[in-house]
PDB file of N, CA and C in Angstrom:
ATOM      1  N   UNK A   1      -9.946  22.239  11.669  1.00  0.00           N
ATOM      2  CA  UNK A   1     -10.969  21.599  11.780  1.00  0.00           C
ATOM      3  C   UNK A   1     -11.889  21.897  13.241  1.00  0.00           C
ATOM      4  N   UNK A   2     -13.112  22.190  12.810  1.00  0.00           N
ATOM      5  CA  UNK A   2     -13.537  22.562  14.136  1.00  0.00           C
ATOM      6  C   UNK A   2     -14.314  21.081  15.115  1.00  0.00           C
ATOM      7  N   UNK A   3     -13.374  20.711  16.161  1.00  0.00           N
ATOM      8  CA  UNK A   3     -13.875  19.538  16.855  1.00  0.00           C
ATOM      9  C   UNK A   3     -15.422  19.326  17.091  1.00  0.00           C
ATOM     10  N   UNK A   4     -16.424  20.253  17.072  1.00  0.00           N
ATOM     11  CA  UNK A   4     -17.673  20.256  17.202  1.00  0.00           C
ATOM     12  C   UNK A   4     -18.316  19.699  15.790  1.00  0.00           C
ATOM     13  N   UNK A   5     -17.790  19.768  14.539  1.00  0.00           N
ATOM     14  CA  UNK A   5     -17.922  19.120  13.558  1.00  0.00           C
ATOM     15  C   UNK A   5     -17.255  18.108  13.256  1.00  0.00           C
ATOM     16  N   UNK A   6     -16.246  17.548  13.792  1.00  0.00           N
ATOM     17  CA  UNK A   6     -15.704  16.476  13.584  1.00  0.00           C
ATOM     18  C   UNK A   6     -16.873  15.262  13.442  1.00  0.00           C
ATOM     19  N   UNK A   7     -16.256  14.291  12.588  1.00  0.00           N
ATOM     20  CA  UNK A   7     -17.138  12.963  12.561  1.00  0.00           C
ATOM     21  C   UNK A   7     -17.096  12.307  13.729  1.00  0.00           C
ATOM     22  N   UNK A   8     -18.177  11.386  14.014  1.00  0.00           N
ATOM     23  CA  UNK A   8     -17.962  10.512  15.206  1.00  0.00           C
ATOM     24  C   UNK A   8     -16.958   9.597  15.161  1.00  0.00           C
ATOM     25  N   UNK A   9     -16.544   9.154  16.170  1.00  0.00           N
ATOM     26  CA  UNK A   9     -15.414   7.955  16.172  1.00  0.00           C
ATOM     27  C   UNK A   9     -15.967   6.559  15.988  1.00  0.00           C
ATOM     28  N   UNK A  10     -15.502   5.779  15.478  1.00  0.00           N
ATOM     29  CA  UNK A  10     -15.863   4.670  15.158  1.00  0.00           C
ATOM     30  C   UNK A  10     -14.936   3.318  15.587  1.00  0.00           C
ATOM     31  N   UNK A  11     -15.085   2.206  15.525  1.00  0.00           N
ATOM     32  CA  UNK A  11     -14.355   1.066  15.944  1.00  0.00           C
ATOM     33  C   UNK A  11     -13.381   0.897  15.104  1.00  0.00           C
ATOM     34  N   UNK A  12     -13.308   1.550  13.918  1.00  0.00           N
ATOM     35  CA  UNK A  12     -11.912   1.717  13.303  1.00  0.00           C
ATOM     36  C   UNK A  12     -10.861   2.836  13.481  1.00  0.00           C
ATOM     37  N   UNK A  13     -11.214   3.660  14.480  1.00  0.00           N
ATOM     38  CA  UNK A  13     -10.721   4.661  14.994  1.00  0.00           C
ATOM     39  C   UNK A  13      -9.600   4.001  16.065  1.00  0.00           C
ATOM     40  N   UNK A  14      -8.523   3.856  16.093  1.00  0.00           N
ATOM     41  CA  UNK A  14      -7.728   3.544  17.322  1.00  0.00           C
ATOM     42  C   UNK A  14      -6.526   4.722  18.024  1.00  0.00           C
ATOM     43  N   UNK A  15      -6.397   4.371  19.182  1.00  0.00           N
ATOM     44  CA  UNK A  15      -5.514   5.075  19.894  1.00  0.00           C
ATOM     45  C   UNK A  15      -4.176   5.300  19.588  1.00  0.00           C
ATOM     46  N   UNK A  16      -3.728   6.192  19.521  1.00  0.00           N
ATOM     47  CA  UNK A  16      -2.269   6.317  19.026  1.00  0.00           C
ATOM     48  C   UNK A  16      -1.444   5.917  20.063  1.00  0.00           C
ATOM     49  N   UNK A  17      -1.634   5.906  21.211  1.00  0.00           N
ATOM     50  CA  UNK A  17      -0.862   5.171  22.096  1.00  0.00           C
ATOM     51  C   UNK A  17      -0.813   3.758  22.481  1.00  0.00           C
ATOM     52  N   UNK A  18      -1.878   3.179  22.368  1.00  0.00           N
ATOM     53  CA  UNK A  18      -1.993   1.784  22.752  1.00  0.00           C
ATOM     54  C   UNK A  18      -2.683   0.725  21.585  1.00  0.00           C
ATOM     55  N   UNK A  19      -3.478   1.492  20.640  1.00  0.00           N
ATOM     56  CA  UNK A  19      -4.333   0.855  19.580  1.00  0.00           C
ATOM     57  C   UNK A  19      -5.638   0.484  20.253  1.00  0.00           C
ATOM     58  N   UNK A  20      -6.088   0.579  21.136  1.00  0.00           N
ATOM     59  CA  UNK A  20      -7.626   0.438  21.804  1.00  0.00           C
ATOM     60  C   UNK A  20      -8.538   1.521  21.014  1.00  0.00           C
ATOM     61  N   UNK A  21      -9.840   1.056  20.895  1.00  0.00           N
ATOM     62  CA  UNK A  21     -10.537   1.877  20.175  1.00  0.00           C
ATOM     63  C   UNK A  21     -10.818   3.537  20.854  1.00  0.00           C
ATOM     64  N   UNK A  22     -10.567   4.601  19.895  1.00  0.00           N
ATOM     65  CA  UNK A  22     -10.474   5.746  20.237  1.00  0.00           C
ATOM     66  C   UNK A  22     -11.947   6.189  20.446  1.00  0.00           C
ATOM     67  N   UNK A  23     -11.729   7.160  21.472  1.00  0.00           N
ATOM     68  CA  UNK A  23     -13.054   7.754  22.122  1.00  0.00           C
ATOM     69  C   UNK A  23     -12.637   9.493  22.274  1.00  0.00           C
ATOM     70  N   UNK A  24     -11.328   9.881  22.231  1.00  0.00           N
ATOM     71  CA  UNK A  24     -11.156  11.222  22.145  1.00  0.00           C
ATOM     72  C   UNK A  24     -10.096  11.599  21.039  1.00  0.00           C
ATOM     73  N   UNK A  25     -10.555  12.467  20.365  1.00  0.00           N
ATOM     74  CA  UNK A  25      -9.892  13.156  18.923  1.00  0.00           C
ATOM     75  C   UNK A  25      -9.310  14.565  19.529  1.00  0.00           C
ATOM     76  N   UNK A  26      -8.057  14.824  19.088  1.00  0.00           N
ATOM     77  CA  UNK A  26      -7.436  15.963  19.716  1.00  0.00           C
ATOM     78  C   UNK A  26      -7.032  16.848  18.165  1.00  0.00           C
ATOM     79  N   UNK A  27      -7.485  17.714  17.747  1.00  0.00           N
ATOM     80  CA  UNK A  27      -7.307  18.335  16.262  1.00  0.00           C
ATOM     81  C   UNK A  27      -6.464  19.417  16.856  1.00  0.00           C
ATOM     82  N   UNK A  28      -5.226  19.512  16.486  1.00  0.00           N
ATOM     83  CA  UNK A  28      -3.948  20.315  16.911  1.00  0.00           C
ATOM     84  C   UNK A  28      -4.175  21.453  16.087  1.00  0.00           C
ATOM     85  N   UNK A  29      -4.090  22.627  16.789  1.00  0.00           N
ATOM     86  CA  UNK A  29      -3.931  24.023  15.996  1.00  0.00           C
ATOM     87  C   UNK A  29      -3.449  24.370  15.204  1.00  0.00           C
ATOM     88  N   UNK A  30      -2.035  23.672  15.004  1.00  0.00           N
ATOM     89  CA  UNK A  30      -1.351  23.829  14.160  1.00  0.00           C
ATOM     90  C   UNK A  30      -1.113  22.896  13.023  1.00  0.00           C
ATOM     91  N   UNK A  31      -2.075  21.927  13.035  1.00  0.00           N
ATOM     92  CA  UNK A  31      -2.453  21.054  11.939  1.00  0.00           C
ATOM     93  C   UNK A  31      -2.497  19.270  12.546  1.00  0.00           C
ATOM     94  N   UNK A  32      -3.086  18.299  11.932  1.00  0.00           N
ATOM     95  CA  UNK A  32      -3.293  17.079  12.348  1.00  0.00           C
ATOM     96  C   UNK A  32      -3.594  16.539  13.769  1.00  0.00           C
ATOM     97  N   UNK A  33      -3.958  15.579  13.908  1.00  0.00           N
ATOM     98  CA  UNK A  33      -4.679  15.194  14.981  1.00  0.00           C
ATOM     99  C   UNK A  33      -4.600  13.768  15.620  1.00  0.00           C
ATOM    100  N   UNK A  34      -4.687  13.508  16.891  1.00  0.00           N
ATOM    101  CA  UNK A  34      -4.362  12.679  18.018  1.00  0.00           C
ATOM    102  C   UNK A  34      -5.151  12.058  18.206  1.00  0.00           C
ATOM    103  N   UNK A  35      -5.501  10.582  18.152  1.00  0.00           N
ATOM    104  CA  UNK A  35      -6.539   9.853  18.848  1.00  0.00           C
ATOM    105  C   UNK A  35      -6.260   9.291  19.932  1.00  0.00           C
ATOM    106  N   UNK A  36      -7.254   9.206  21.054  1.00  0.00           N
ATOM    107  CA  UNK A  36      -7.041   8.406  22.310  1.00  0.00           C
ATOM    108  C   UNK A  36      -8.023   7.628  22.942  1.00  0.00           C
ATOM    109  N   UNK A  37      -7.586   6.272  23.406  1.00  0.00           N
ATOM    110  CA  UNK A  37      -8.830   5.722  24.011  1.00  0.00           C
ATOM    111  C   UNK A  37      -9.269   6.555  25.073  1.00  0.00           C
ATOM    112  N   UNK A  38     -10.018   6.045  25.933  1.00  0.00           N
ATOM    113  CA  UNK A  38     -10.730   6.914  27.056  1.00  0.00           C
ATOM    114  C   UNK A  38      -9.739   7.029  28.270  1.00  0.00           C
ATOM    115  N   UNK A  39      -8.744   5.955  28.306  1.00  0.00           N
ATOM    116  CA  UNK A  39      -7.903   6.315  29.290  1.00  0.00           C
ATOM    117  C   UNK A  39      -6.480   7.064  28.793  1.00  0.00           C
ATOM    118  N   UNK A  40      -6.062   7.218  27.723  1.00  0.00           N
ATOM    119  CA  UNK A  40      -4.905   7.687  27.066  1.00  0.00           C
ATOM    120  C   UNK A  40      -5.745   9.481  27.319  1.00  0.00           C
ATOM    121  N   UNK A  41      -6.833   9.656  26.787  1.00  0.00           N
ATOM    122  CA  UNK A  41      -7.308  10.681  26.567  1.00  0.00           C
ATOM    123  C   UNK A  41      -7.348  11.474  27.830  1.00  0.00           C
ATOM    124  N   UNK A  42      -8.068  10.926  28.997  1.00  0.00           N
ATOM    125  CA  UNK A  42      -7.737  11.478  30.437  1.00  0.00           C
ATOM    126  C   UNK A  42      -6.463  11.840  30.817  1.00  0.00           C
ATOM    127  N   UNK A  43      -5.202  11.029  30.197  1.00  0.00           N
ATOM    128  CA  UNK A  43      -4.000  11.379  30.593  1.00  0.00           C
ATOM    129  C   UNK A  43      -3.397  12.416  30.018  1.00  0.00           C
ATOM    130  N   UNK A  44      -3.874  12.437  28.680  1.00  0.00           N
ATOM    131  CA  UNK A  44      -2.996  13.728  27.703  1.00  0.00           C
ATOM    132  C   UNK A  44      -4.102  14.982  27.672  1.00  0.00           C
ATOM    133  N   UNK A  45      -5.273  14.768  27.869  1.00  0.00           N
ATOM    134  CA  UNK A  45      -6.108  16.073  27.436  1.00  0.00           C
ATOM    135  C   UNK A  45      -5.692  17.278  28.086  1.00  0.00           C
ATOM    136  N   UNK A  46      -5.614  17.209  29.477  1.00  0.00           N
ATOM    137  CA  UNK A  46      -4.809  18.794  30.152  1.00  0.00           C
ATOM    138  C   UNK A  46      -3.640  19.219  29.546  1.00  0.00           C
ATOM    139  N   UNK A  47      -2.860  18.384  28.979  1.00  0.00           N
ATOM    140  CA  UNK A  47      -1.894  19.179  28.224  1.00  0.00           C
ATOM    141  C   UNK A  47      -1.939  19.674  26.910  1.00  0.00           C
ATOM    142  N   UNK A  48      -2.812  19.441  26.392  1.00  0.00           N
ATOM    143  CA  UNK A  48      -3.497  19.368  25.306  1.00  0.00           C
ATOM    144  C   UNK A  48      -4.496  20.593  24.921  1.00  0.00           C
ATOM    145  N   UNK A  49      -4.746  20.718  26.136  1.00  0.00           N
ATOM    146  CA  UNK A  49      -6.140  21.581  25.990  1.00  0.00           C
ATOM    147  C   UNK A  49      -5.910  23.191  25.445  1.00  0.00           C
ATOM    148  N   UNK A  50      -4.419  23.551  25.610  1.00  0.00           N
ATOM    149  CA  UNK A  50      -4.450  25.045  25.210  1.00  0.00           C
ATOM    150  C   UNK A  50      -3.978  24.760  23.858  1.00  0.00           C
ATOM    151  N   UNK A  51      -3.720  23.717  22.890  1.00  0.00           N
ATOM    152  CA  UNK A  51      -3.067  23.499  21.580  1.00  0.00           C
ATOM    153  C   UNK A  51      -3.852  22.643  20.811  1.00  0.00           C
ATOM    154  N   UNK A  52      -5.341  22.286  21.174  1.00  0.00           N
ATOM    155  CA  UNK A  52      -6.165  21.426  20.343  1.00  0.00           C
ATOM    156  C   UNK A  52      -7.375  21.642  20.971  1.00  0.00           C
ATOM    157  N   UNK A  53      -8.250  21.428  20.077  1.00  0.00           N
ATOM    158  CA  UNK A  53      -9.921  21.462  19.973  1.00  0.00           C
ATOM    159  C   UNK A  53      -9.898  19.741  20.387  1.00  0.00           C
ATOM    160  N   UNK A  54     -10.367  19.697  21.541  1.00  0.00           N
ATOM    161  CA  UNK A  54     -10.876  18.382  21.990  1.00  0.00           C
ATOM    162  C   UNK A  54     -12.287  17.665  21.844  1.00  0.00           C
ATOM    163  N   UNK A  55     -11.997  16.763  21.164  1.00  0.00           N
ATOM    164  CA  UNK A  55     -13.573  16.102  20.805  1.00  0.00           C
ATOM    165  C   UNK A  55     -13.799  14.579  21.440  1.00  0.00           C
ATOM    166  N   UNK A  56     -14.572  14.633  22.828  1.00  0.00           N
ATOM    167  CA  UNK A  56     -14.384  13.636  23.609  1.00  0.00           C
ATOM    168  C   UNK A  56     -15.487  13.112  23.654  1.00  0.00           C
ATOM    169  N   UNK A  57     -15.748  11.537  23.339  1.00  0.00           N
ATOM    170  CA  UNK A  57     -17.127  10.842  23.272  1.00  0.00           C
ATOM    171  C   UNK A  57     -17.170   9.542  24.116  1.00  0.00           C
ATOM    172  N   UNK A  58     -15.994   9.755  25.176  1.00  0.00           N
ATOM    173  CA  UNK A  58     -15.712   8.683  26.068  1.00  0.00           C
ATOM    174  C   UNK A  58     -17.199   8.467  26.774  1.00  0.00           C
ATOM    175  N   UNK A  59     -18.106   9.396  26.907  1.00  0.00           N
ATOM    176  CA  UNK A  59     -19.386   8.925  27.719  1.00  0.00           C
ATOM    177  C   UNK A  59     -20.203   7.887  27.089  1.00  0.00           C
ATOM    178  N   UNK A  60     -20.063   7.367  25.934  1.00  0.00           N
ATOM    179  CA  UNK A  60     -20.557   6.346  25.262  1.00  0.00           C
ATOM    180  C   UNK A  60     -20.080   5.205  25.754  1.00  0.00           C
ATOM    181  N   UNK A  61     -19.367   5.141  26.478  1.00  0.00           N
ATOM    182  CA  UNK A  61     -18.560   3.736  27.258  1.00  0.00           C
ATOM    183  C   UNK A  61     -19.682   3.599  28.470  1.00  0.00           C
ATOM    184  N   UNK A  62     -20.425   4.334  29.023  1.00  0.00           N
ATOM    185  CA  UNK A  62     -21.497   4.368  29.528  1.00  0.00           C
ATOM    186  C   UNK A  62     -22.783   3.880  29.438  1.00  0.00           C
ATOM    187  N   UNK A  63     -22.998   3.840  27.626  1.00  0.00           N
ATOM    188  CA  UNK A  63     -24.114   3.515  27.108  1.00  0.00           C
ATOM    189  C   UNK A  63     -24.583   2.218  27.223  1.00  0.00           C
ATOM    190  N   UNK A  64     -25.337   1.752  27.639  1.00  0.00           N
ATOM    191  CA  UNK A  64     -26.011   0.110  27.796  1.00  0.00           C
ATOM    192  C   UNK A  64     -26.128  -0.224  26.326  1.00  0.00           C
ATOM    193  N   UNK A  65     -25.633  -1.460  26.075  1.00  0.00           N
ATOM    194  CA  UNK A  65     -25.742  -1.904  24.658  1.00  0.00           C
ATOM    195  C   UNK A  65     -26.749  -3.282  24.858  1.00  0.00           C
ATOM    196  N   UNK A  66     -27.702  -3.381  24.179  1.00  0.00           N
ATOM    197  CA  UNK A  66     -28.722  -4.388  24.261  1.00  0.00           C
ATOM    198  C   UNK A  66     -28.045  -6.010  23.932  1.00  0.00           C
ATOM    199  N   UNK A  67     -28.872  -6.777  25.190  1.00  0.00           N
ATOM    200  CA  UNK A  67     -28.170  -8.106  24.177  1.00  0.00           C
ATOM    201  C   UNK A  67     -28.141  -8.669  22.785  1.00  0.00           C
ATOM    202  N   UNK A  68     -27.255  -9.069  22.554  1.00  0.00           N
ATOM    203  CA  UNK A  68     -27.325  -9.402  21.037  1.00  0.00           C
ATOM    204  C   UNK A  68     -26.828  -8.381  20.116  1.00  0.00           C
ATOM    205  N   UNK A  69     -26.648  -7.008  20.372  1.00  0.00           N
ATOM    206  CA  UNK A  69     -26.265  -6.402  19.537  1.00  0.00           C
ATOM    207  C   UNK A  69     -25.000  -5.769  19.902  1.00  0.00           C
ATOM    208  N   UNK A  70     -24.207  -5.521  18.574  1.00  0.00           N
ATOM    209  CA  UNK A  70     -22.439  -4.826  18.744  1.00  0.00           C
ATOM    210  C   UNK A  70     -22.487  -3.493  18.508  1.00  0.00           C
ATOM    211  N   UNK A  71     -21.334  -2.928  19.122  1.00  0.00           N
ATOM    212  CA  UNK A  71     -21.260  -1.596  18.985  1.00  0.00           C
ATOM    213  C   UNK A  71     -20.114  -1.306  17.577  1.00  0.00           C
ATOM    214  N   UNK A  72     -20.531  -0.527  16.972  1.00  0.00           N
ATOM    215  CA  UNK A  72     -19.704  -0.193  15.448  1.00  0.00           C
ATOM    216  C   UNK A  72     -18.545   0.673  15.678  1.00  0.00           C
TER     217      UNK A  72
END
């Protein structure tokens, strides 16, 4: 799967390490994928860079949420 074409991660996507909301998807070249929160993504992306396509949406954490709205 091409990481650029991967669907946007949402609140149902959970980190494989801690269960928090996932913001990073590593699509392994050998097949399968790993999901990580921003924290675990920063920890594991360097080791996965050569064996996976990385789709990182952690910049979404910096987007302001208007008062009264929730993120999905």
